[in-house]
Every structure is written in C-alpha cells, then in structure tokens.
C-alpha cells in the first residue's frame, strides 16, 4: 500500500536523478526560482543549452487581472 504511493517518486528518481534531487533540495530549502541568485544561475544554464523559457508577466499589451466574459 505505502510502497504503491511512493513508486512514482522512485521512478522519477531513477529516470532523472540530478533533476529530481535538484528539485527536492530546492523544495526543502524553499528556494524561489524567481529570486535573483537562483534565477541568474538558471538563466545562465538555459543560455548555455540553447533552451528558452516562456516569459511571464507579459500579455502582449493586454491588461492583467480579472476579465469580463459573457455566457449565453
């Protein structure tokens, strides 16, 4: 029973040990990925690999917040 609940965790650990342990440590230390030291390091790592991250906070000129919709 208890082993069945933990099996997805062990599966991720065996498939991607570095990323799993990095996420686990950042969760234990309650690191925010948007804070400066972590964000700067992540940007440097992502820039070296060529991957891009989606930008947050930009809605292409649209106002953020609640939007009004009409339902017929």
PDB file of N, CA and C in Angstrom:
ATOM      1  N   UNK A   1       0.822  -1.190   0.000  1.00  0.00           N
ATOM      2  CA  UNK A   1       0.000   0.000   0.000  1.00  0.00           C
ATOM      3  C   UNK A   1       0.866   1.253   0.000  1.00  0.00           C
ATOM      4  N   UNK A   2       1.678   1.384   1.008  1.00  0.00           N
ATOM      5  CA  UNK A   2       2.523   2.567   1.122  1.00  0.00           C
ATOM      6  C   UNK A   2       3.567   2.597   0.013  1.00  0.00           C
ATOM      7  N   UNK A   3       4.044   1.429  -0.390  1.00  0.00           N
ATOM      8  CA  UNK A   3       5.028   1.321  -1.463  1.00  0.00           C
ATOM      9  C   UNK A   3       4.419   1.773  -2.786  1.00  0.00           C
ATOM     10  N   UNK A   4       3.151   1.465  -3.015  1.00  0.00           N
ATOM     11  CA  UNK A   4       2.476   1.877  -4.244  1.00  0.00           C
ATOM     12  C   UNK A   4       2.386   3.393  -4.356  1.00  0.00           C
ATOM     13  N   UNK A   5       2.220   4.072  -3.239  1.00  0.00           N
ATOM     14  CA  UNK A   5       2.134   5.526  -3.252  1.00  0.00           C
ATOM     15  C   UNK A   5       3.487   6.166  -3.507  1.00  0.00           C
ATOM     16  N   UNK A   6       4.547   5.516  -3.098  1.00  0.00           N
ATOM     17  CA  UNK A   6       5.895   6.064  -3.286  1.00  0.00           C
ATOM     18  C   UNK A   6       6.534   5.637  -4.605  1.00  0.00           C
ATOM     19  N   UNK A   7       5.943   4.723  -5.327  1.00  0.00           N
ATOM     20  CA  UNK A   7       6.566   4.235  -6.558  1.00  0.00           C
ATOM     21  C   UNK A   7       6.764   5.321  -7.610  1.00  0.00           C
ATOM     22  N   UNK A   8       5.856   6.310  -7.810  1.00  0.00           N
ATOM     23  CA  UNK A   8       6.148   7.367  -8.788  1.00  0.00           C
ATOM     24  C   UNK A   8       7.383   8.197  -8.410  1.00  0.00           C
ATOM     25  N   UNK A   9       7.597   8.398  -7.120  1.00  0.00           N
ATOM     26  CA  UNK A   9       8.769   9.157  -6.670  1.00  0.00           C
ATOM     27  C   UNK A   9      10.040   8.394  -6.992  1.00  0.00           C
ATOM     28  N   UNK A  10      10.051   7.104  -6.716  1.00  0.00           N
ATOM     29  CA  UNK A  10      11.237   6.300  -7.015  1.00  0.00           C
ATOM     30  C   UNK A  10      11.464   6.173  -8.510  1.00  0.00           C
ATOM     31  N   UNK A  11      10.385   6.138  -9.287  1.00  0.00           N
ATOM     32  CA  UNK A  11      10.513   6.058 -10.739  1.00  0.00           C
ATOM     33  C   UNK A  11      11.179   7.319 -11.283  1.00  0.00           C
ATOM     34  N   UNK A  12      10.746   8.495 -10.814  1.00  0.00           N
ATOM     35  CA  UNK A  12      11.367   9.739 -11.256  1.00  0.00           C
ATOM     36  C   UNK A  12      12.809   9.829 -10.788  1.00  0.00           C
ATOM     37  N   UNK A  13      13.082   9.351  -9.597  1.00  0.00           N
ATOM     38  CA  UNK A  13      14.434   9.381  -9.063  1.00  0.00           C
ATOM     39  C   UNK A  13      15.376   8.535  -9.906  1.00  0.00           C
ATOM     40  N   UNK A  14      14.929   7.376 -10.344  1.00  0.00           N
ATOM     41  CA  UNK A  14      15.795   6.510 -11.139  1.00  0.00           C
ATOM     42  C   UNK A  14      15.926   6.988 -12.577  1.00  0.00           C
ATOM     43  N   UNK A  15      14.912   7.655 -13.128  1.00  0.00           N
ATOM     44  CA  UNK A  15      14.972   8.121 -14.506  1.00  0.00           C
ATOM     45  C   UNK A  15      15.778   9.412 -14.641  1.00  0.00           C
ATOM     46  N   UNK A  16      15.604  10.354 -13.724  1.00  0.00           N
ATOM     47  CA  UNK A  16      16.262  11.657 -13.783  1.00  0.00           C
ATOM     48  C   UNK A  16      16.814  12.019 -12.402  1.00  0.00           C
ATOM     49  N   UNK A  17      17.905  11.399 -11.988  1.00  0.00           N
ATOM     50  CA  UNK A  17      18.360  11.603 -10.608  1.00  0.00           C
ATOM     51  C   UNK A  17      18.833  13.026 -10.316  1.00  0.00           C
ATOM     52  N   UNK A  18      19.519  13.675 -11.254  1.00  0.00           N
ATOM     53  CA  UNK A  18      20.051  15.013 -10.985  1.00  0.00           C
ATOM     54  C   UNK A  18      18.926  16.032 -10.883  1.00  0.00           C
ATOM     55  N   UNK A  19      17.998  16.011 -11.833  1.00  0.00           N
ATOM     56  CA  UNK A  19      16.908  16.979 -11.785  1.00  0.00           C
ATOM     57  C   UNK A  19      15.976  16.711 -10.605  1.00  0.00           C
ATOM     58  N   UNK A  20      15.765  15.440 -10.272  1.00  0.00           N
ATOM     59  CA  UNK A  20      14.923  15.114  -9.128  1.00  0.00           C
ATOM     60  C   UNK A  20      15.551  15.642  -7.838  1.00  0.00           C
ATOM     61  N   UNK A  21      16.830  15.366  -7.641  1.00  0.00           N
ATOM     62  CA  UNK A  21      17.480  15.805  -6.410  1.00  0.00           C
ATOM     63  C   UNK A  21      17.585  17.334  -6.358  1.00  0.00           C
ATOM     64  N   UNK A  22      17.785  17.974  -7.512  1.00  0.00           N
ATOM     65  CA  UNK A  22      17.801  19.439  -7.538  1.00  0.00           C
ATOM     66  C   UNK A  22      16.466  20.021  -7.134  1.00  0.00           C
ATOM     67  N   UNK A  23      15.390  19.450  -7.656  1.00  0.00           N
ATOM     68  CA  UNK A  23      14.056  19.910  -7.276  1.00  0.00           C
ATOM     69  C   UNK A  23      13.737  19.612  -5.829  1.00  0.00           C
ATOM     70  N   UNK A  24      14.196  18.458  -5.353  1.00  0.00           N
ATOM     71  CA  UNK A  24      13.961  18.095  -3.956  1.00  0.00           C
ATOM     72  C   UNK A  24      14.688  19.050  -3.015  1.00  0.00           C
ATOM     73  N   UNK A  25      15.948  19.341  -3.316  1.00  0.00           N
ATOM     74  CA  UNK A  25      16.727  20.250  -2.467  1.00  0.00           C
ATOM     75  C   UNK A  25      16.138  21.653  -2.508  1.00  0.00           C
ATOM     76  N   UNK A  26      15.738  22.126  -3.690  1.00  0.00           N
ATOM     77  CA  UNK A  26      15.152  23.463  -3.765  1.00  0.00           C
ATOM     78  C   UNK A  26      13.825  23.521  -3.012  1.00  0.00           C
ATOM     79  N   UNK A  27      13.089  22.425  -2.987  1.00  0.00           N
ATOM     80  CA  UNK A  27      11.853  22.393  -2.214  1.00  0.00           C
ATOM     81  C   UNK A  27      12.099  22.367  -0.726  1.00  0.00           C
ATOM     82  N   UNK A  28      13.109  21.611  -0.305  1.00  0.00           N
ATOM     83  CA  UNK A  28      13.433  21.535   1.122  1.00  0.00           C
ATOM     84  C   UNK A  28      13.941  22.886   1.613  1.00  0.00           C
ATOM     85  N   UNK A  29      14.776  23.539   0.800  1.00  0.00           N
ATOM     86  CA  UNK A  29      15.323  24.839   1.196  1.00  0.00           C
ATOM     87  C   UNK A  29      14.372  25.992   0.888  1.00  0.00           C
ATOM     88  N   UNK A  30      13.241  25.674   0.276  1.00  0.00           N
ATOM     89  CA  UNK A  30      12.223  26.661  -0.094  1.00  0.00           C
ATOM     90  C   UNK A  30      12.808  27.781  -0.945  1.00  0.00           C
ATOM     91  N   UNK A  31      13.571  27.368  -1.961  1.00  0.00           N
ATOM     92  CA  UNK A  31      14.146  28.339  -2.884  1.00  0.00           C
ATOM     93  C   UNK A  31      13.095  28.740  -3.908  1.00  0.00           C
ATOM     94  N   UNK A  32      12.990  30.025  -4.156  1.00  0.00           N
ATOM     95  CA  UNK A  32      12.075  30.531  -5.168  1.00  0.00           C
ATOM     96  C   UNK A  32      12.859  30.684  -6.459  1.00  0.00           C
ATOM     97  N   UNK A  33      12.388  30.079  -7.536  1.00  0.00           N
ATOM     98  CA  UNK A  33      13.106  30.129  -8.805  1.00  0.00           C
ATOM     99  C   UNK A  33      13.096  31.511  -9.426  1.00  0.00           C
ATOM    100  N   UNK A  34      12.264  32.421  -8.941  1.00  0.00           N
ATOM    101  CA  UNK A  34      12.221  33.776  -9.472  1.00  0.00           C
ATOM    102  C   UNK A  34      13.150  34.718  -8.713  1.00  0.00           C
ATOM    103  N   UNK A  35      13.742  34.270  -7.601  1.00  0.00           N
ATOM    104  CA  UNK A  35      14.677  35.114  -6.854  1.00  0.00           C
ATOM    105  C   UNK A  35      15.985  35.234  -7.616  1.00  0.00           C
ATOM    106  N   UNK A  36      16.736  36.295  -7.321  1.00  0.00           N
ATOM    107  CA  UNK A  36      17.895  36.648  -8.126  1.00  0.00           C
ATOM    108  C   UNK A  36      18.996  35.599  -8.189  1.00  0.00           C
ATOM    109  N   UNK A  37      19.533  35.064  -7.116  1.00  0.00           N
ATOM    110  CA  UNK A  37      20.645  34.133  -7.304  1.00  0.00           C
ATOM    111  C   UNK A  37      20.252  32.885  -8.086  1.00  0.00           C
ATOM    112  N   UNK A  38      19.087  32.342  -7.809  1.00  0.00           N
ATOM    113  CA  UNK A  38      18.649  31.132  -8.497  1.00  0.00           C
ATOM    114  C   UNK A  38      18.272  31.458  -9.935  1.00  0.00           C
ATOM    115  N   UNK A  39      17.575  32.569 -10.149  1.00  0.00           N
ATOM    116  CA  UNK A  39      17.152  32.945 -11.491  1.00  0.00           C
ATOM    117  C   UNK A  39      18.354  33.225 -12.378  1.00  0.00           C
ATOM    118  N   UNK A  40      19.349  33.921 -11.846  1.00  0.00           N
ATOM    119  CA  UNK A  40      20.546  34.195 -12.623  1.00  0.00           C
ATOM    120  C   UNK A  40      21.275  32.927 -13.016  1.00  0.00           C
ATOM    121  N   UNK A  41      21.366  31.989 -12.095  1.00  0.00           N
ATOM    122  CA  UNK A  41      22.036  30.733 -12.395  1.00  0.00           C
ATOM    123  C   UNK A  41      21.246  29.946 -13.434  1.00  0.00           C
ATOM    124  N   UNK A  42      19.903  29.910 -13.287  1.00  0.00           N
ATOM    125  CA  UNK A  42      19.080  29.191 -14.253  1.00  0.00           C
ATOM    126  C   UNK A  42      19.173  29.819 -15.636  1.00  0.00           C
ATOM    127  N   UNK A  43      19.165  31.152 -15.706  1.00  0.00           N
ATOM    128  CA  UNK A  43      19.288  31.817 -16.996  1.00  0.00           C
ATOM    129  C   UNK A  43      20.615  31.487 -17.660  1.00  0.00           C
ATOM    130  N   UNK A  44      21.669  31.423 -16.861  1.00  0.00           N
ATOM    131  CA  UNK A  44      22.981  31.089 -17.404  1.00  0.00           C
ATOM    132  C   UNK A  44      23.006  29.646 -17.909  1.00  0.00           C
ATOM    133  N   UNK A  45      22.385  28.729 -17.167  1.00  0.00           N
ATOM    134  CA  UNK A  45      22.345  27.332 -17.577  1.00  0.00           C
ATOM    135  C   UNK A  45      21.493  27.145 -18.827  1.00  0.00           C
ATOM    136  N   UNK A  46      20.377  27.827 -18.881  1.00  0.00           N
ATOM    137  CA  UNK A  46      19.480  27.711 -20.032  1.00  0.00           C
ATOM    138  C   UNK A  46      20.123  28.341 -21.261  1.00  0.00           C
ATOM    139  N   UNK A  47      20.816  29.452 -21.078  1.00  0.00           N
ATOM    140  CA  UNK A  47      21.508  30.088 -22.198  1.00  0.00           C
ATOM    141  C   UNK A  47      22.594  29.210 -22.769  1.00  0.00           C
ATOM    142  N   UNK A  48      23.249  28.425 -21.928  1.00  0.00           N
ATOM    143  CA  UNK A  48      24.320  27.547 -22.388  1.00  0.00           C
ATOM    144  C   UNK A  48      23.772  26.362 -23.170  1.00  0.00           C
ATOM    145  N   UNK A  49      22.560  25.923 -22.847  1.00  0.00           N
ATOM    146  CA  UNK A  49      21.996  24.765 -23.534  1.00  0.00           C
ATOM    147  C   UNK A  49      21.184  25.156 -24.752  1.00  0.00           C
ATOM    148  N   UNK A  50      20.800  26.417 -24.860  1.00  0.00           N
ATOM    149  CA  UNK A  50      20.033  26.857 -26.018  1.00  0.00           C
ATOM    150  C   UNK A  50      18.534  26.789 -25.839  1.00  0.00           C
ATOM    151  N   UNK A  51      18.067  26.351 -24.689  1.00  0.00           N
ATOM    152  CA  UNK A  51      16.638  26.311 -24.434  1.00  0.00           C
ATOM    153  C   UNK A  51      16.147  27.693 -24.066  1.00  0.00           C
ATOM    154  N   UNK A  52      14.898  27.961 -24.345  1.00  0.00           N
ATOM    155  CA  UNK A  52      14.301  29.231 -23.960  1.00  0.00           C
ATOM    156  C   UNK A  52      13.188  28.969 -22.967  1.00  0.00           C
ATOM    157  N   UNK A  53      12.955  29.935 -22.098  1.00  0.00           N
ATOM    158  CA  UNK A  53      11.876  29.822 -21.131  1.00  0.00           C
ATOM    159  C   UNK A  53      10.785  30.799 -21.515  1.00  0.00           C
ATOM    160  N   UNK A  54       9.549  30.458 -21.271  1.00  0.00           N
ATOM    161  CA  UNK A  54       8.466  31.388 -21.573  1.00  0.00           C
ATOM    162  C   UNK A  54       8.538  32.584 -20.636  1.00  0.00           C
ATOM    163  N   UNK A  55       8.249  33.744 -21.172  1.00  0.00           N
ATOM    164  CA  UNK A  55       8.279  34.943 -20.346  1.00  0.00           C
ATOM    165  C   UNK A  55       6.979  35.040 -19.575  1.00  0.00           C
ATOM    166  N   UNK A  56       7.096  35.458 -18.342  1.00  0.00           N
ATOM    167  CA  UNK A  56       5.909  35.616 -17.516  1.00  0.00           C
ATOM    168  C   UNK A  56       5.670  37.089 -17.284  1.00  0.00           C
ATOM    169  N   UNK A  57       4.425  37.448 -17.149  1.00  0.00           N
ATOM    170  CA  UNK A  57       4.087  38.821 -16.845  1.00  0.00           C
ATOM    171  C   UNK A  57       3.777  39.653 -18.066  1.00  0.00           C
ATOM    172  N   UNK A  58       4.030  39.174 -19.257  1.00  0.00           N
ATOM    173  CA  UNK A  58       3.704  39.956 -20.438  1.00  0.00           C
ATOM    174  C   UNK A  58       2.517  39.330 -21.141  1.00  0.00           C
ATOM    175  N   UNK A  59       1.489  40.120 -21.344  1.00  0.00           N
ATOM    176  CA  UNK A  59       0.277  39.648 -22.005  1.00  0.00           C
ATOM    177  C   UNK A  59       0.105  40.326 -23.349  1.00  0.00           C
ATOM    178  N   UNK A  60       1.205  40.668 -24.006  1.00  0.00           N
ATOM    179  CA  UNK A  60       1.171  41.313 -25.308  1.00  0.00           C
ATOM    180  C   UNK A  60       0.352  42.599 -25.279  1.00  0.00           C
ATOM    181  N   UNK A  61       0.530  43.415 -24.271  1.00  0.00           N
ATOM    182  CA  UNK A  61      -0.143  44.698 -24.173  1.00  0.00           C
ATOM    183  C   UNK A  61      -1.508  44.645 -23.519  1.00  0.00           C
ATOM    184  N   UNK A  62      -2.014  43.486 -23.200  1.00  0.00           N
ATOM    185  CA  UNK A  62      -3.325  43.380 -22.568  1.00  0.00           C
ATOM    186  C   UNK A  62      -3.182  43.606 -21.068  1.00  0.00           C
ATOM    187  N   UNK A  63      -4.225  44.151 -20.480  1.00  0.00           N
ATOM    188  CA  UNK A  63      -4.219  44.389 -19.039  1.00  0.00           C
ATOM    189  C   UNK A  63      -4.366  43.066 -18.305  1.00  0.00           C
ATOM    190  N   UNK A  64      -3.623  42.911 -17.230  1.00  0.00           N
ATOM    191  CA  UNK A  64      -3.744  41.688 -16.442  1.00  0.00           C
ATOM    192  C   UNK A  64      -4.800  41.885 -15.374  1.00  0.00           C
ATOM    193  N   UNK A  65      -5.264  40.793 -14.847  1.00  0.00           N
ATOM    194  CA  UNK A  65      -6.273  40.850 -13.813  1.00  0.00           C
ATOM    195  C   UNK A  65      -7.559  40.217 -14.269  1.00  0.00           C
ATOM    196  N   UNK A  66      -8.641  40.441 -13.552  1.00  0.00           N
ATOM    197  CA  UNK A  66      -9.914  39.828 -13.920  1.00  0.00           C
ATOM    198  C   UNK A  66     -10.399  40.336 -15.283  1.00  0.00           C
ATOM    199  N   UNK A  67     -10.962  39.438 -16.034  1.00  0.00           N
ATOM    200  CA  UNK A  67     -11.508  39.803 -17.331  1.00  0.00           C
ATOM    201  C   UNK A  67     -12.977  39.487 -17.337  1.00  0.00           C
ATOM    202  N   UNK A  68     -13.755  40.279 -18.070  1.00  0.00           N
ATOM    203  CA  UNK A  68     -15.202  40.084 -18.120  1.00  0.00           C
ATOM    204  C   UNK A  68     -15.518  39.207 -19.323  1.00  0.00           C
ATOM    205  N   UNK A  69     -16.353  38.203 -19.089  1.00  0.00           N
ATOM    206  CA  UNK A  69     -16.816  37.346 -20.167  1.00  0.00           C
ATOM    207  C   UNK A  69     -18.329  37.295 -20.117  1.00  0.00           C
ATOM    208  N   UNK A  70     -18.935  36.992 -21.264  1.00  0.00           N
ATOM    209  CA  UNK A  70     -20.389  36.841 -21.281  1.00  0.00           C
ATOM    210  C   UNK A  70     -20.720  35.430 -21.725  1.00  0.00           C
ATOM    211  N   UNK A  71     -21.626  34.802 -21.004  1.00  0.00           N
ATOM    212  CA  UNK A  71     -22.044  33.438 -21.297  1.00  0.00           C
ATOM    213  C   UNK A  71     -23.499  33.481 -21.713  1.00  0.00           C
ATOM    214  N   UNK A  72     -23.767  32.959 -22.883  1.00  0.00           N
ATOM    215  CA  UNK A  72     -25.165  32.945 -23.396  1.00  0.00           C
ATOM    216  C   UNK A  72     -25.908  31.734 -22.927  1.00  0.00           C
TER     217      UNK A  72
END
